[in-house]
Amino acid sequence: MLLLDDLFLFHEVLAERYLGLGKKVVIAAYALIAATWLALFRHTIVQLGSALLFVALAFFALSVTADVALEELLRNLGSWRLFPEDGLKFLGTASWCGYYVPISFRSLVSTASARPHQL
């Protein structure tokens, strides 16, 4: 979702131009989706460990804060204006991967070991 949003500038351009939705409305919708996901999978998240997931969410939240709340200040940075927002988003994505890669590996290993080997 974040990839497509960045690729097509959804919350910055498309949502307002074609749907009449402001940037803050779209970001609030994303936050609601994330909160719903966390609520639905809370037991699994707690069971698997969640430190890096919450680090990732914190970086994403800081990125959104930089995008929305610091927009005027960042505009004064010239070509560096995207660095704080995108840098925080990159750290969020790296943390997200750090959370999901080991979980995916454990899931694959446990699935493979539960099946009988076939030749």
PDB file of N, CA and C in Angstrom:
ATOM      1  N   MET A   1       0.825  -1.181   0.000  1.00  0.00           N
ATOM      2  CA  MET A   1       0.000   0.000   0.000  1.00  0.00           C
ATOM      3  C   MET A   1       0.876   1.254   0.000  1.00  0.00           C
ATOM      4  N   LEU A   2       1.916   1.248   0.856  1.00  0.00           N
ATOM      5  CA  LEU A   2       2.808   2.407   0.901  1.00  0.00           C
ATOM      6  C   LEU A   2       3.582   2.567  -0.402  1.00  0.00           C
ATOM      7  N   LEU A   3       3.975   1.442  -0.979  1.00  0.00           N
ATOM      8  CA  LEU A   3       4.688   1.488  -2.251  1.00  0.00           C
ATOM      9  C   LEU A   3       3.819   2.124  -3.332  1.00  0.00           C
ATOM     10  N   LEU A   4       2.567   1.674  -3.439  1.00  0.00           N
ATOM     11  CA  LEU A   4       1.674   2.225  -4.453  1.00  0.00           C
ATOM     12  C   LEU A   4       1.356   3.694  -4.175  1.00  0.00           C
ATOM     13  N   ASP A   5       1.200   4.032  -2.904  1.00  0.00           N
ATOM     14  CA  ASP A   5       0.949   5.427  -2.545  1.00  0.00           C
ATOM     15  C   ASP A   5       2.108   6.317  -2.998  1.00  0.00           C
ATOM     16  N   ASP A   6       3.332   5.870  -2.736  1.00  0.00           N
ATOM     17  CA  ASP A   6       4.500   6.659  -3.150  1.00  0.00           C
ATOM     18  C   ASP A   6       4.664   6.678  -4.666  1.00  0.00           C
ATOM     19  N   LEU A   7       4.436   5.546  -5.291  1.00  0.00           N
ATOM     20  CA  LEU A   7       4.628   5.438  -6.733  1.00  0.00           C
ATOM     21  C   LEU A   7       3.680   6.349  -7.507  1.00  0.00           C
ATOM     22  N   PHE A   8       2.426   6.391  -7.084  1.00  0.00           N
ATOM     23  CA  PHE A   8       1.429   7.175  -7.799  1.00  0.00           C
ATOM     24  C   PHE A   8       1.078   8.490  -7.113  1.00  0.00           C
ATOM     25  N   LEU A   9       1.824   8.835  -6.052  1.00  0.00           N
ATOM     26  CA  LEU A   9       1.576  10.074  -5.297  1.00  0.00           C
ATOM     27  C   LEU A   9       0.102  10.176  -4.890  1.00  0.00           C
ATOM     28  N   PHE A  10      -0.437   9.049  -4.411  1.00  0.00           N
ATOM     29  CA  PHE A  10      -1.862   8.989  -4.122  1.00  0.00           C
ATOM     30  C   PHE A  10      -2.291  10.021  -3.093  1.00  0.00           C
ATOM     31  N   HIS A  11      -1.651  10.018  -1.907  1.00  0.00           N
ATOM     32  CA  HIS A  11      -2.112  10.946  -0.870  1.00  0.00           C
ATOM     33  C   HIS A  11      -1.730  12.391  -1.161  1.00  0.00           C
ATOM     34  N   GLU A  12      -0.764  12.603  -2.040  1.00  0.00           N
ATOM     35  CA  GLU A  12      -0.341  13.959  -2.345  1.00  0.00           C
ATOM     36  C   GLU A  12      -1.107  14.580  -3.510  1.00  0.00           C
ATOM     37  N   VAL A  13      -1.474  13.769  -4.514  1.00  0.00           N
ATOM     38  CA  VAL A  13      -2.075  14.331  -5.720  1.00  0.00           C
ATOM     39  C   VAL A  13      -3.404  13.657  -6.080  1.00  0.00           C
ATOM     40  N   LEU A  14      -3.366  12.340  -6.325  1.00  0.00           N
ATOM     41  CA  LEU A  14      -4.523  11.656  -6.892  1.00  0.00           C
ATOM     42  C   LEU A  14      -5.769  11.714  -6.022  1.00  0.00           C
ATOM     43  N   ALA A  15      -5.630  11.490  -4.724  1.00  0.00           N
ATOM     44  CA  ALA A  15      -6.799  11.475  -3.841  1.00  0.00           C
ATOM     45  C   ALA A  15      -7.516  12.820  -3.850  1.00  0.00           C
ATOM     46  N   GLU A  16      -6.751  13.886  -3.853  1.00  0.00           N
ATOM     47  CA  GLU A  16      -7.379  15.209  -3.850  1.00  0.00           C
ATOM     48  C   GLU A  16      -7.974  15.545  -5.215  1.00  0.00           C
ATOM     49  N   ARG A  17      -7.216  15.284  -6.252  1.00  0.00           N
ATOM     50  CA  ARG A  17      -7.661  15.656  -7.595  1.00  0.00           C
ATOM     51  C   ARG A  17      -8.885  14.857  -8.039  1.00  0.00           C
ATOM     52  N   TYR A  18      -8.885  13.535  -7.803  1.00  0.00           N
ATOM     53  CA  TYR A  18      -9.947  12.697  -8.349  1.00  0.00           C
ATOM     54  C   TYR A  18     -11.016  12.281  -7.343  1.00  0.00           C
ATOM     55  N   LEU A  19     -10.682  12.292  -6.058  1.00  0.00           N
ATOM     56  CA  LEU A  19     -11.658  11.887  -5.050  1.00  0.00           C
ATOM     57  C   LEU A  19     -12.088  13.025  -4.135  1.00  0.00           C
ATOM     58  N   GLY A  20     -11.402  14.145  -4.224  1.00  0.00           N
ATOM     59  CA  GLY A  20     -11.726  15.278  -3.374  1.00  0.00           C
ATOM     60  C   GLY A  20     -11.328  15.070  -1.920  1.00  0.00           C
ATOM     61  N   LEU A  21     -10.396  14.165  -1.678  1.00  0.00           N
ATOM     62  CA  LEU A  21      -9.936  13.880  -0.318  1.00  0.00           C
ATOM     63  C   LEU A  21      -8.618  14.579  -0.055  1.00  0.00           C
ATOM     64  N   GLY A  22      -8.516  15.251   1.063  1.00  0.00           N
ATOM     65  CA  GLY A  22      -7.271  15.898   1.441  1.00  0.00           C
ATOM     66  C   GLY A  22      -6.239  14.895   1.939  1.00  0.00           C
ATOM     67  N   LYS A  23      -5.002  15.356   1.993  1.00  0.00           N
ATOM     68  CA  LYS A  23      -3.893  14.517   2.432  1.00  0.00           C
ATOM     69  C   LYS A  23      -4.141  13.949   3.824  1.00  0.00           C
ATOM     70  N   LYS A  24      -4.648  14.770   4.735  1.00  0.00           N
ATOM     71  CA  LYS A  24      -4.859  14.323   6.111  1.00  0.00           C
ATOM     72  C   LYS A  24      -5.938  13.249   6.209  1.00  0.00           C
ATOM     73  N   VAL A  25      -6.930  13.313   5.356  1.00  0.00           N
ATOM     74  CA  VAL A  25      -7.987  12.299   5.355  1.00  0.00           C
ATOM     75  C   VAL A  25      -7.427  10.951   4.907  1.00  0.00           C
ATOM     76  N   VAL A  26      -6.625  10.964   3.858  1.00  0.00           N
ATOM     77  CA  VAL A  26      -6.031   9.728   3.354  1.00  0.00           C
ATOM     78  C   VAL A  26      -5.092   9.131   4.393  1.00  0.00           C
ATOM     79  N   ILE A  27      -4.283   9.959   5.023  1.00  0.00           N
ATOM     80  CA  ILE A  27      -3.355   9.469   6.047  1.00  0.00           C
ATOM     81  C   ILE A  27      -4.128   8.922   7.246  1.00  0.00           C
ATOM     82  N   ALA A  28      -5.225   9.571   7.616  1.00  0.00           N
ATOM     83  CA  ALA A  28      -6.067   9.059   8.700  1.00  0.00           C
ATOM     84  C   ALA A  28      -6.658   7.697   8.322  1.00  0.00           C
ATOM     85  N   ALA A  29      -7.036   7.530   7.060  1.00  0.00           N
ATOM     86  CA  ALA A  29      -7.551   6.236   6.596  1.00  0.00           C
ATOM     87  C   ALA A  29      -6.465   5.169   6.685  1.00  0.00           C
ATOM     88  N   TYR A  30      -5.235   5.518   6.309  1.00  0.00           N
ATOM     89  CA  TYR A  30      -4.125   4.570   6.429  1.00  0.00           C
ATOM     90  C   TYR A  30      -3.899   4.187   7.893  1.00  0.00           C
ATOM     91  N   ALA A  31      -3.980   5.159   8.783  1.00  0.00           N
ATOM     92  CA  ALA A  31      -3.809   4.878  10.212  1.00  0.00           C
ATOM     93  C   ALA A  31      -4.915   3.955  10.717  1.00  0.00           C
ATOM     94  N   LEU A  32      -6.128   4.159  10.247  1.00  0.00           N
ATOM     95  CA  LEU A  32      -7.241   3.301  10.634  1.00  0.00           C
ATOM     96  C   LEU A  32      -7.036   1.878  10.117  1.00  0.00           C
ATOM     97  N   ILE A  33      -6.553   1.744   8.902  1.00  0.00           N
ATOM     98  CA  ILE A  33      -6.255   0.420   8.345  1.00  0.00           C
ATOM     99  C   ILE A  33      -5.174  -0.266   9.180  1.00  0.00           C
ATOM    100  N   ALA A  34      -4.123   0.459   9.523  1.00  0.00           N
ATOM    101  CA  ALA A  34      -3.037  -0.108  10.333  1.00  0.00           C
ATOM    102  C   ALA A  34      -3.539  -0.516  11.721  1.00  0.00           C
ATOM    103  N   ALA A  35      -4.358   0.324  12.338  1.00  0.00           N
ATOM    104  CA  ALA A  35      -4.899   0.001  13.668  1.00  0.00           C
ATOM    105  C   ALA A  35      -5.805  -1.229  13.603  1.00  0.00           C
ATOM    106  N   THR A  36      -6.593  -1.340  12.546  1.00  0.00           N
ATOM    107  CA  THR A  36      -7.455  -2.506  12.366  1.00  0.00           C
ATOM    108  C   THR A  36      -6.617  -3.764  12.202  1.00  0.00           C
ATOM    109  N   TRP A  37      -5.562  -3.676  11.397  1.00  0.00           N
ATOM    110  CA  TRP A  37      -4.666  -4.816  11.195  1.00  0.00           C
ATOM    111  C   TRP A  37      -4.024  -5.242  12.518  1.00  0.00           C
ATOM    112  N   LEU A  38      -3.551  -4.266  13.284  1.00  0.00           N
ATOM    113  CA  LEU A  38      -2.946  -4.577  14.586  1.00  0.00           C
ATOM    114  C   LEU A  38      -3.959  -5.230  15.519  1.00  0.00           C
ATOM    115  N   ALA A  39      -5.185  -4.748  15.512  1.00  0.00           N
ATOM    116  CA  ALA A  39      -6.220  -5.317  16.384  1.00  0.00           C
ATOM    117  C   ALA A  39      -6.577  -6.741  15.958  1.00  0.00           C
ATOM    118  N   LEU A  40      -6.713  -6.961  14.664  1.00  0.00           N
ATOM    119  CA  LEU A  40      -7.090  -8.292  14.179  1.00  0.00           C
ATOM    120  C   LEU A  40      -6.021  -9.345  14.446  1.00  0.00           C
ATOM    121  N   PHE A  41      -4.761  -8.948  14.354  1.00  0.00           N
ATOM    122  CA  PHE A  41      -3.668  -9.910  14.488  1.00  0.00           C
ATOM    123  C   PHE A  41      -2.885  -9.737  15.786  1.00  0.00           C
ATOM    124  N   ARG A  42      -3.473  -9.103  16.784  1.00  0.00           N
ATOM    125  CA  ARG A  42      -2.764  -8.800  18.023  1.00  0.00           C
ATOM    126  C   ARG A  42      -2.221 -10.049  18.715  1.00  0.00           C
ATOM    127  N   HIS A  43      -2.972 -11.134  18.725  1.00  0.00           N
ATOM    128  CA  HIS A  43      -2.510 -12.351  19.405  1.00  0.00           C
ATOM    129  C   HIS A  43      -1.283 -12.935  18.697  1.00  0.00           C
ATOM    130  N   THR A  44      -1.330 -12.956  17.390  1.00  0.00           N
ATOM    131  CA  THR A  44      -0.195 -13.464  16.613  1.00  0.00           C
ATOM    132  C   THR A  44       1.015 -12.555  16.782  1.00  0.00           C
ATOM    133  N   ILE A  45       0.794 -11.260  16.759  1.00  0.00           N
ATOM    134  CA  ILE A  45       1.887 -10.296  16.898  1.00  0.00           C
ATOM    135  C   ILE A  45       2.571 -10.470  18.249  1.00  0.00           C
ATOM    136  N   VAL A  46       1.786 -10.591  19.312  1.00  0.00           N
ATOM    137  CA  VAL A  46       2.352 -10.767  20.657  1.00  0.00           C
ATOM    138  C   VAL A  46       3.083 -12.100  20.747  1.00  0.00           C
ATOM    139  N   GLN A  47       2.501 -13.139  20.179  1.00  0.00           N
ATOM    140  CA  GLN A  47       3.099 -14.473  20.232  1.00  0.00           C
ATOM    141  C   GLN A  47       4.446 -14.531  19.504  1.00  0.00           C
ATOM    142  N   LEU A  48       4.559 -13.829  18.395  1.00  0.00           N
ATOM    143  CA  LEU A  48       5.782 -13.897  17.589  1.00  0.00           C
ATOM    144  C   LEU A  48       6.841 -12.884  18.002  1.00  0.00           C
ATOM    145  N   GLY A  49       6.509 -11.992  18.882  1.00  0.00           N
ATOM    146  CA  GLY A  49       7.445 -10.930  19.259  1.00  0.00           C
ATOM    147  C   GLY A  49       7.190  -9.717  18.393  1.00  0.00           C
ATOM    148  N   SER A  50       7.207  -8.562  19.009  1.00  0.00           N
ATOM    149  CA  SER A  50       6.748  -7.402  18.256  1.00  0.00           C
ATOM    150  C   SER A  50       7.654  -6.174  18.342  1.00  0.00           C
ATOM    151  N   ALA A  51       8.834  -6.306  18.904  1.00  0.00           N
ATOM    152  CA  ALA A  51       9.681  -5.123  19.097  1.00  0.00           C
ATOM    153  C   ALA A  51       9.994  -4.415  17.778  1.00  0.00           C
ATOM    154  N   LEU A  52      10.484  -5.157  16.783  1.00  0.00           N
ATOM    155  CA  LEU A  52      10.833  -4.522  15.508  1.00  0.00           C
ATOM    156  C   LEU A  52       9.608  -4.020  14.760  1.00  0.00           C
ATOM    157  N   LEU A  53       8.476  -4.668  14.948  1.00  0.00           N
ATOM    158  CA  LEU A  53       7.250  -4.185  14.318  1.00  0.00           C
ATOM    159  C   LEU A  53       6.900  -2.801  14.851  1.00  0.00           C
ATOM    160  N   PHE A  54       7.009  -2.618  16.154  1.00  0.00           N
ATOM    161  CA  PHE A  54       6.677  -1.316  16.728  1.00  0.00           C
ATOM    162  C   PHE A  54       7.731  -0.261  16.416  1.00  0.00           C
ATOM    163  N   VAL A  55       8.976  -0.676  16.241  1.00  0.00           N
ATOM    164  CA  VAL A  55      10.011   0.249  15.770  1.00  0.00           C
ATOM    165  C   VAL A  55       9.658   0.714  14.354  1.00  0.00           C
ATOM    166  N   ALA A  56       9.251  -0.230  13.499  1.00  0.00           N
ATOM    167  CA  ALA A  56       8.857   0.110  12.130  1.00  0.00           C
ATOM    168  C   ALA A  56       7.672   1.065  12.135  1.00  0.00           C
ATOM    169  N   LEU A  57       6.672   0.775  12.941  1.00  0.00           N
ATOM    170  CA  LEU A  57       5.502   1.646  13.011  1.00  0.00           C
ATOM    171  C   LEU A  57       5.869   3.037  13.525  1.00  0.00           C
ATOM    172  N   ALA A  58       6.817   3.105  14.456  1.00  0.00           N
ATOM    173  CA  ALA A  58       7.265   4.405  14.964  1.00  0.00           C
ATOM    174  C   ALA A  58       7.952   5.202  13.857  1.00  0.00           C
ATOM    175  N   PHE A  59       8.807   4.552  13.066  1.00  0.00           N
ATOM    176  CA  PHE A  59       9.459   5.250  11.953  1.00  0.00           C
ATOM    177  C   PHE A  59       8.433   5.719  10.924  1.00  0.00           C
ATOM    178  N   PHE A  60       7.437   4.879  10.619  1.00  0.00           N
ATOM    179  CA  PHE A  60       6.389   5.286   9.680  1.00  0.00           C
ATOM    180  C   PHE A  60       5.605   6.475  10.233  1.00  0.00           C
ATOM    181  N   ALA A  61       5.313   6.449  11.529  1.00  0.00           N
ATOM    182  CA  ALA A  61       4.578   7.563  12.148  1.00  0.00           C
ATOM    183  C   ALA A  61       5.404   8.845  12.094  1.00  0.00           C
ATOM    184  N   LEU A  62       6.707   8.740  12.330  1.00  0.00           N
ATOM    185  CA  LEU A  62       7.570   9.918  12.230  1.00  0.00           C
ATOM    186  C   LEU A  62       7.636  10.435  10.797  1.00  0.00           C
ATOM    187  N   SER A  63       7.623   9.526   9.834  1.00  0.00           N
ATOM    188  CA  SER A  63       7.626   9.922   8.433  1.00  0.00           C
ATOM    189  C   SER A  63       6.354  10.696   8.087  1.00  0.00           C
ATOM    190  N   VAL A  64       5.232  10.205   8.575  1.00  0.00           N
ATOM    191  CA  VAL A  64       3.960  10.897   8.331  1.00  0.00           C
ATOM    192  C   VAL A  64       3.968  12.259   9.013  1.00  0.00           C
ATOM    193  N   THR A  65       4.511  12.314  10.215  1.00  0.00           N
ATOM    194  CA  THR A  65       4.600  13.589  10.931  1.00  0.00           C
ATOM    195  C   THR A  65       5.449  14.583  10.144  1.00  0.00           C
ATOM    196  N   ALA A  66       6.561  14.109   9.609  1.00  0.00           N
ATOM    197  CA  ALA A  66       7.409  14.981   8.795  1.00  0.00           C
ATOM    198  C   ALA A  66       6.666  15.445   7.549  1.00  0.00           C
ATOM    199  N   ASP A  67       5.873  14.558   6.971  1.00  0.00           N
ATOM    200  CA  ASP A  67       5.136  14.883   5.750  1.00  0.00           C
ATOM    201  C   ASP A  67       4.032  15.902   6.014  1.00  0.00           C
ATOM    202  N   VAL A  68       3.298  15.734   7.093  1.00  0.00           N
ATOM    203  CA  VAL A  68       2.120  16.565   7.348  1.00  0.00           C
ATOM    204  C   VAL A  68       2.453  17.782   8.204  1.00  0.00           C
ATOM    205  N   ALA A  69       3.030  17.551   9.361  1.00  0.00           N
ATOM    206  CA  ALA A  69       3.215  18.632  10.336  1.00  0.00           C
ATOM    207  C   ALA A  69       4.388  19.551  10.002  1.00  0.00           C
ATOM    208  N   LEU A  70       5.408  19.012   9.368  1.00  0.00           N
ATOM    209  CA  LEU A  70       6.602  19.813   9.097  1.00  0.00           C
ATOM    210  C   LEU A  70       6.718  20.233   7.640  1.00  0.00           C
ATOM    211  N   GLU A  71       5.616  20.182   6.923  1.00  0.00           N
ATOM    212  CA  GLU A  71       5.635  20.457   5.489  1.00  0.00           C
ATOM    213  C   GLU A  71       6.240  21.824   5.157  1.00  0.00           C
ATOM    214  N   GLU A  72       5.833  22.867   5.855  1.00  0.00           N
ATOM    215  CA  GLU A  72       6.355  24.217   5.605  1.00  0.00           C
ATOM    216  C   GLU A  72       7.853  24.297   5.891  1.00  0.00           C
ATOM    217  N   LEU A  73       8.272  23.737   7.012  1.00  0.00           N
ATOM    218  CA  LEU A  73       9.680  23.761   7.392  1.00  0.00           C
ATOM    219  C   LEU A  73      10.530  23.006   6.379  1.00  0.00           C
ATOM    220  N   LEU A  74      10.045  21.839   5.958  1.00  0.00           N
ATOM    221  CA  LEU A  74      10.810  21.024   5.013  1.00  0.00           C
ATOM    222  C   LEU A  74      10.895  21.677   3.638  1.00  0.00           C
ATOM    223  N   ARG A  75       9.910  22.442   3.271  1.00  0.00           N
ATOM    224  CA  ARG A  75       9.920  23.124   1.980  1.00  0.00           C
ATOM    225  C   ARG A  75      11.137  24.045   1.866  1.00  0.00           C
ATOM    226  N   ASN A  76      11.606  24.575   2.997  1.00  0.00           N
ATOM    227  CA  ASN A  76      12.756  25.480   3.010  1.00  0.00           C
ATOM    228  C   ASN A  76      14.087  24.765   2.825  1.00  0.00           C
ATOM    229  N   LEU A  77      14.081  23.445   2.851  1.00  0.00           N
ATOM    230  CA  LEU A  77      15.325  22.685   2.708  1.00  0.00           C
ATOM    231  C   LEU A  77      15.737  22.479   1.254  1.00  0.00           C
ATOM    232  N   GLY A  78      14.933  22.940   0.329  1.00  0.00           N
ATOM    233  CA  GLY A  78      15.275  22.791  -1.089  1.00  0.00           C
ATOM    234  C   GLY A  78      15.244  21.345  -1.513  1.00  0.00           C
ATOM    235  N   SER A  79      16.299  20.918  -2.197  1.00  0.00           N
ATOM    236  CA  SER A  79      16.333  19.544  -2.698  1.00  0.00           C
ATOM    237  C   SER A  79      16.469  18.518  -1.575  1.00  0.00           C
ATOM    238  N   TRP A  80      16.796  18.946  -0.378  1.00  0.00           N
ATOM    239  CA  TRP A  80      16.910  18.034   0.770  1.00  0.00           C
ATOM    240  C   TRP A  80      15.563  17.820   1.468  1.00  0.00           C
ATOM    241  N   ARG A  81      14.513  18.446   0.988  1.00  0.00           N
ATOM    242  CA  ARG A  81      13.233  18.418   1.698  1.00  0.00           C
ATOM    243  C   ARG A  81      12.641  17.015   1.820  1.00  0.00           C
ATOM    244  N   LEU A  82      12.958  16.123   0.882  1.00  0.00           N
ATOM    245  CA  LEU A  82      12.410  14.767   0.931  1.00  0.00           C
ATOM    246  C   LEU A  82      13.206  13.850   1.846  1.00  0.00           C
ATOM    247  N   PHE A  83      14.411  14.256   2.212  1.00  0.00           N
ATOM    248  CA  PHE A  83      15.282  13.380   3.000  1.00  0.00           C
ATOM    249  C   PHE A  83      14.687  12.978   4.348  1.00  0.00           C
ATOM    250  N   PRO A  84      14.175  13.899   5.161  1.00  0.00           N
ATOM    251  CA  PRO A  84      13.626  13.459   6.453  1.00  0.00           C
ATOM    252  C   PRO A  84      12.447  12.496   6.296  1.00  0.00           C
ATOM    253  N   GLU A  85      11.497  12.825   5.437  1.00  0.00           N
ATOM    254  CA  GLU A  85      10.326  11.963   5.258  1.00  0.00           C
ATOM    255  C   GLU A  85      10.721  10.609   4.667  1.00  0.00           C
ATOM    256  N   ASP A  86      11.455  10.626   3.573  1.00  0.00           N
ATOM    257  CA  ASP A  86      11.813   9.371   2.913  1.00  0.00           C
ATOM    258  C   ASP A  86      12.858   8.588   3.691  1.00  0.00           C
ATOM    259  N   GLY A  87      13.742   9.279   4.389  1.00  0.00           N
ATOM    260  CA  GLY A  87      14.724   8.581   5.226  1.00  0.00           C
ATOM    261  C   GLY A  87      14.047   7.816   6.353  1.00  0.00           C
ATOM    262  N   LEU A  88      13.072   8.448   6.993  1.00  0.00           N
ATOM    263  CA  LEU A  88      12.317   7.777   8.051  1.00  0.00           C
ATOM    264  C   LEU A  88      11.490   6.629   7.485  1.00  0.00           C
ATOM    265  N   LYS A  89      10.944   6.829   6.301  1.00  0.00           N
ATOM    266  CA  LYS A  89      10.170   5.758   5.653  1.00  0.00           C
ATOM    267  C   LYS A  89      11.086   4.577   5.315  1.00  0.00           C
ATOM    268  N   PHE A  90      12.318   4.867   4.867  1.00  0.00           N
ATOM    269  CA  PHE A  90      13.271   3.805   4.587  1.00  0.00           C
ATOM    270  C   PHE A  90      13.603   3.022   5.852  1.00  0.00           C
ATOM    271  N   LEU A  91      13.846   3.719   6.955  1.00  0.00           N
ATOM    272  CA  LEU A  91      14.129   3.040   8.223  1.00  0.00           C
ATOM    273  C   LEU A  91      12.931   2.205   8.676  1.00  0.00           C
ATOM    274  N   GLY A  92      11.723   2.706   8.437  1.00  0.00           N
ATOM    275  CA  GLY A  92      10.524   1.936   8.747  1.00  0.00           C
ATOM    276  C   GLY A  92      10.434   0.672   7.915  1.00  0.00           C
ATOM    277  N   THR A  93      10.738   0.803   6.632  1.00  0.00           N
ATOM    278  CA  THR A  93      10.697  -0.356   5.744  1.00  0.00           C
ATOM    279  C   THR A  93      11.770  -1.376   6.125  1.00  0.00           C
ATOM    280  N   ALA A  94      12.966  -0.913   6.467  1.00  0.00           N
ATOM    281  CA  ALA A  94      14.037  -1.818   6.889  1.00  0.00           C
ATOM    282  C   ALA A  94      13.659  -2.542   8.180  1.00  0.00           C
ATOM    283  N   SER A  95      13.053  -1.831   9.116  1.00  0.00           N
ATOM    284  CA  SER A  95      12.613  -2.453  10.367  1.00  0.00           C
ATOM    285  C   SER A  95      11.487  -3.449  10.106  1.00  0.00           C
ATOM    286  N   TRP A  96      10.591  -3.089   9.205  1.00  0.00           N
ATOM    287  CA  TRP A  96       9.486  -3.960   8.816  1.00  0.00           C
ATOM    288  C   TRP A  96      10.042  -5.273   8.263  1.00  0.00           C
ATOM    289  N   CYS A  97      11.045  -5.171   7.387  1.00  0.00           N
ATOM    290  CA  CYS A  97      11.693  -6.373   6.838  1.00  0.00           C
ATOM    291  C   CYS A  97      12.390  -7.158   7.935  1.00  0.00           C
ATOM    292  N   GLY A  98      13.036  -6.456   8.859  1.00  0.00           N
ATOM    293  CA  GLY A  98      13.692  -7.124   9.984  1.00  0.00           C
ATOM    294  C   GLY A  98      12.707  -7.877  10.853  1.00  0.00           C
ATOM    295  N   TYR A  99      11.472  -7.436  10.869  1.00  0.00           N
ATOM    296  CA  TYR A  99      10.423  -8.131  11.615  1.00  0.00           C
ATOM    297  C   TYR A  99       9.911  -9.343  10.838  1.00  0.00           C
ATOM    298  N   TYR A 100       9.623  -9.156   9.559  1.00  0.00           N
ATOM    299  CA  TYR A 100       8.965 -10.203   8.783  1.00  0.00           C
ATOM    300  C   TYR A 100       9.881 -11.295   8.256  1.00  0.00           C
ATOM    301  N   VAL A 101      11.123 -11.014   7.933  1.00  0.00           N
ATOM    302  CA  VAL A 101      12.007 -12.035   7.357  1.00  0.00           C
ATOM    303  C   VAL A 101      12.215 -13.208   8.325  1.00  0.00           C
ATOM    304  N   PRO A 102      12.587 -12.982   9.586  1.00  0.00           N
ATOM    305  CA  PRO A 102      12.754 -14.135  10.487  1.00  0.00           C
ATOM    306  C   PRO A 102      11.442 -14.887  10.746  1.00  0.00           C
ATOM    307  N   ILE A 103      10.332 -14.155  10.827  1.00  0.00           N
ATOM    308  CA  ILE A 103       9.038 -14.799  11.047  1.00  0.00           C
ATOM    309  C   ILE A 103       8.684 -15.669   9.841  1.00  0.00           C
ATOM    310  N   SER A 104       8.911 -15.159   8.661  1.00  0.00           N
ATOM    311  CA  SER A 104       8.633 -15.932   7.450  1.00  0.00           C
ATOM    312  C   SER A 104       9.529 -17.165   7.379  1.00  0.00           C
ATOM    313  N   PHE A 105      10.790 -17.009   7.727  1.00  0.00           N
ATOM    314  CA  PHE A 105      11.718 -18.134   7.715  1.00  0.00           C
ATOM    315  C   PHE A 105      11.271 -19.219   8.698  1.00  0.00           C
ATOM    316  N   ARG A 106      10.931 -18.813   9.929  1.00  0.00           N
ATOM    317  CA  ARG A 106      10.461 -19.789  10.921  1.00  0.00           C
ATOM    318  C   ARG A 106       9.201 -20.491  10.443  1.00  0.00           C
ATOM    319  N   SER A 107       8.316 -19.760   9.819  1.00  0.00           N
ATOM    320  CA  SER A 107       7.076 -20.342   9.315  1.00  0.00           C
ATOM    321  C   SER A 107       7.358 -21.363   8.218  1.00  0.00           C
ATOM    322  N   LEU A 108       8.257 -21.023   7.309  1.00  0.00           N
ATOM    323  CA  LEU A 108       8.614 -21.953   6.242  1.00  0.00           C
ATOM    324  C   LEU A 108       9.290 -23.209   6.785  1.00  0.00           C
ATOM    325  N   VAL A 109      10.196 -23.032   7.739  1.00  0.00           N
ATOM    326  CA  VAL A 109      10.897 -24.178   8.320  1.00  0.00           C
ATOM    327  C   VAL A 109       9.922 -25.088   9.061  1.00  0.00           C
ATOM    328  N   SER A 110       9.032 -24.505   9.843  1.00  0.00           N
ATOM    329  CA  SER A 110       8.086 -25.331  10.598  1.00  0.00           C
ATOM    330  C   SER A 110       7.095 -26.034   9.661  1.00  0.00           C
ATOM    331  N   THR A 111       6.711 -25.395   8.579  1.00  0.00           N
ATOM    332  CA  THR A 111       5.816 -26.022   7.602  1.00  0.00           C
ATOM    333  C   THR A 111       6.529 -27.156   6.896  1.00  0.00           C
ATOM    334  N   ALA A 112       7.769 -26.931   6.514  1.00  0.00           N
ATOM    335  CA  ALA A 112       8.540 -27.966   5.808  1.00  0.00           C
ATOM    336  C   ALA A 112       8.815 -29.164   6.720  1.00  0.00           C
ATOM    337  N   SER A 113       9.096 -28.919   7.981  1.00  0.00           N
ATOM    338  CA  SER A 113       9.391 -30.035   8.880  1.00  0.00           C
ATOM    339  C   SER A 113       8.140 -30.799   9.295  1.00  0.00           C
ATOM    340  N   ALA A 114       6.975 -30.184   9.175  1.00  0.00           N
ATOM    341  CA  ALA A 114       5.718 -30.850   9.523  1.00  0.00           C
ATOM    342  C   ALA A 114       5.246 -31.789   8.412  1.00  0.00           C
ATOM    343  N   ARG A 115       5.689 -31.573   7.201  1.00  0.00           N
ATOM    344  CA  ARG A 115       5.287 -32.420   6.068  1.00  0.00           C
ATOM    345  C   ARG A 115       6.231 -33.589   5.929  1.00  0.00           C
ATOM    346  N   PRO A 116       5.705 -34.742   5.573  1.00  0.00           N
ATOM    347  CA  PRO A 116       6.611 -35.870   5.288  1.00  0.00           C
ATOM    348  C   PRO A 116       7.355 -35.609   3.981  1.00  0.00           C
ATOM    349  N   HIS A 117       8.600 -36.013   3.941  1.00  0.00           N
ATOM    350  CA  HIS A 117       9.408 -35.802   2.749  1.00  0.00           C
ATOM    351  C   HIS A 117       8.993 -36.769   1.655  1.00  0.00           C
ATOM    352  N   GLN A 118       8.819 -36.242   0.469  1.00  0.00           N
ATOM    353  CA  GLN A 118       8.422 -37.062  -0.658  1.00  0.00           C
ATOM    354  C   GLN A 118       9.539 -37.035  -1.711  1.00  0.00           C
ATOM    355  N   LEU A 119       9.753 -38.152  -2.323  1.00  0.00           N
ATOM    356  CA  LEU A 119      10.747 -38.230  -3.397  1.00  0.00           C
ATOM    357  C   LEU A 119      10.091 -38.191  -4.730  1.00  0.00           C
TER     358      LEU A 119
END
